[in-house]
Amino acid sequence: MKFTMTVDMDNAAFHDAHPFYELSDILTTQAEWFRDSFYNGYDARAMERTVRDYNGNKVGTIKVEQET
């Protein structure tokens, strides 16, 4: 299985004095989503997910895929 996450930090949400606050919020949100979906029975072994900043703008993607 392969997990890939891409985040474009050339976005207004990251132009704060501390851009890693936004990145840590995104990582926390995504980690919680994966944890909750696992416990709710969601099969995340093959999926693609949009990553959004606090303003709701698309800033990246997550892709989980089976390696062949």
Protein backbone atom coordinates (compact mmCIF):
# COMPACT_ATOMS: atom_id res chain seq x y z
CA MET A 1 0.00 0.00 0.00
CA LYS A 2 1.23 3.50 -0.79
CA PHE A 3 0.16 6.77 0.90
CA THR A 4 0.92 10.09 -0.83
CA MET A 5 -0.05 13.54 0.42
CA THR A 6 0.67 16.72 -1.51
CA VAL A 7 0.08 20.18 -0.03
CA ASP A 8 0.67 23.38 -2.00
CA MET A 9 1.81 25.97 0.53
CA ASP A 10 1.75 28.85 -2.00
CA ASN A 11 -1.68 29.83 -0.72
CA ALA A 12 -2.90 32.81 1.35
CA ALA A 13 -3.63 30.53 4.31
CA PHE A 14 0.12 29.84 4.58
CA HIS A 15 1.27 33.47 4.30
CA ASP A 16 0.80 33.98 8.03
CA ALA A 17 3.73 34.69 10.32
CA HIS A 18 3.67 30.97 11.18
CA PRO A 19 2.65 28.99 8.07
CA PHE A 20 3.20 25.69 9.86
CA TYR A 21 0.13 26.37 12.04
CA GLU A 22 -2.00 25.89 8.93
CA LEU A 23 -0.03 22.81 7.90
CA SER A 24 -0.39 21.27 11.37
CA ASP A 25 -4.15 21.93 11.29
CA ILE A 26 -4.41 20.20 7.90
CA LEU A 27 -2.37 17.20 9.08
CA THR A 28 -4.44 16.91 12.26
CA THR A 29 -7.72 17.10 10.35
CA GLN A 30 -6.63 14.44 7.87
CA ALA A 31 -5.28 12.14 10.61
CA GLU A 32 -8.56 12.41 12.51
CA TRP A 33 -10.52 11.66 9.33
CA PHE A 34 -8.50 8.49 8.69
CA ARG A 35 -8.82 7.38 12.32
CA ASP A 36 -12.58 7.97 12.39
CA SER A 37 -13.17 6.37 9.01
CA PHE A 38 -11.24 3.27 10.07
CA TYR A 39 -13.36 2.87 13.20
CA ASN A 40 -16.54 3.46 11.18
CA GLY A 41 -15.63 0.62 8.81
CA TYR A 42 -14.54 2.70 5.80
CA ASP A 43 -12.08 0.87 3.56
CA ALA A 44 -9.37 3.44 2.78
CA ARG A 45 -7.00 1.03 1.03
CA ALA A 46 -7.69 2.62 -2.36
CA MET A 47 -8.95 6.18 -2.36
CA GLU A 48 -8.21 9.76 -3.31
CA ARG A 49 -9.13 12.72 -1.11
CA THR A 50 -9.00 16.49 -1.56
CA VAL A 51 -7.07 18.50 1.05
CA ARG A 52 -8.53 21.91 1.94
CA ASP A 53 -7.26 24.81 4.03
CA TYR A 54 -9.29 26.56 6.76
CA ASN A 55 -10.92 28.77 4.10
CA GLY A 56 -12.14 25.71 2.21
CA ASN A 57 -9.73 26.19 -0.70
CA LYS A 58 -8.22 23.09 -2.30
CA VAL A 59 -4.52 22.98 -1.41
CA GLY A 60 -3.65 19.38 -2.20
CA THR A 61 -4.56 15.74 -2.41
CA ILE A 62 -4.16 12.49 -0.55
CA LYS A 63 -3.91 9.26 -2.47
CA VAL A 64 -3.90 5.76 -1.05
CA GLU A 65 -3.31 2.95 -3.51
CA GLN A 66 -2.48 -0.71 -3.57
CA GLU A 67 0.92 -1.46 -5.04
CA THR A 68 0.84 -4.09 -7.74
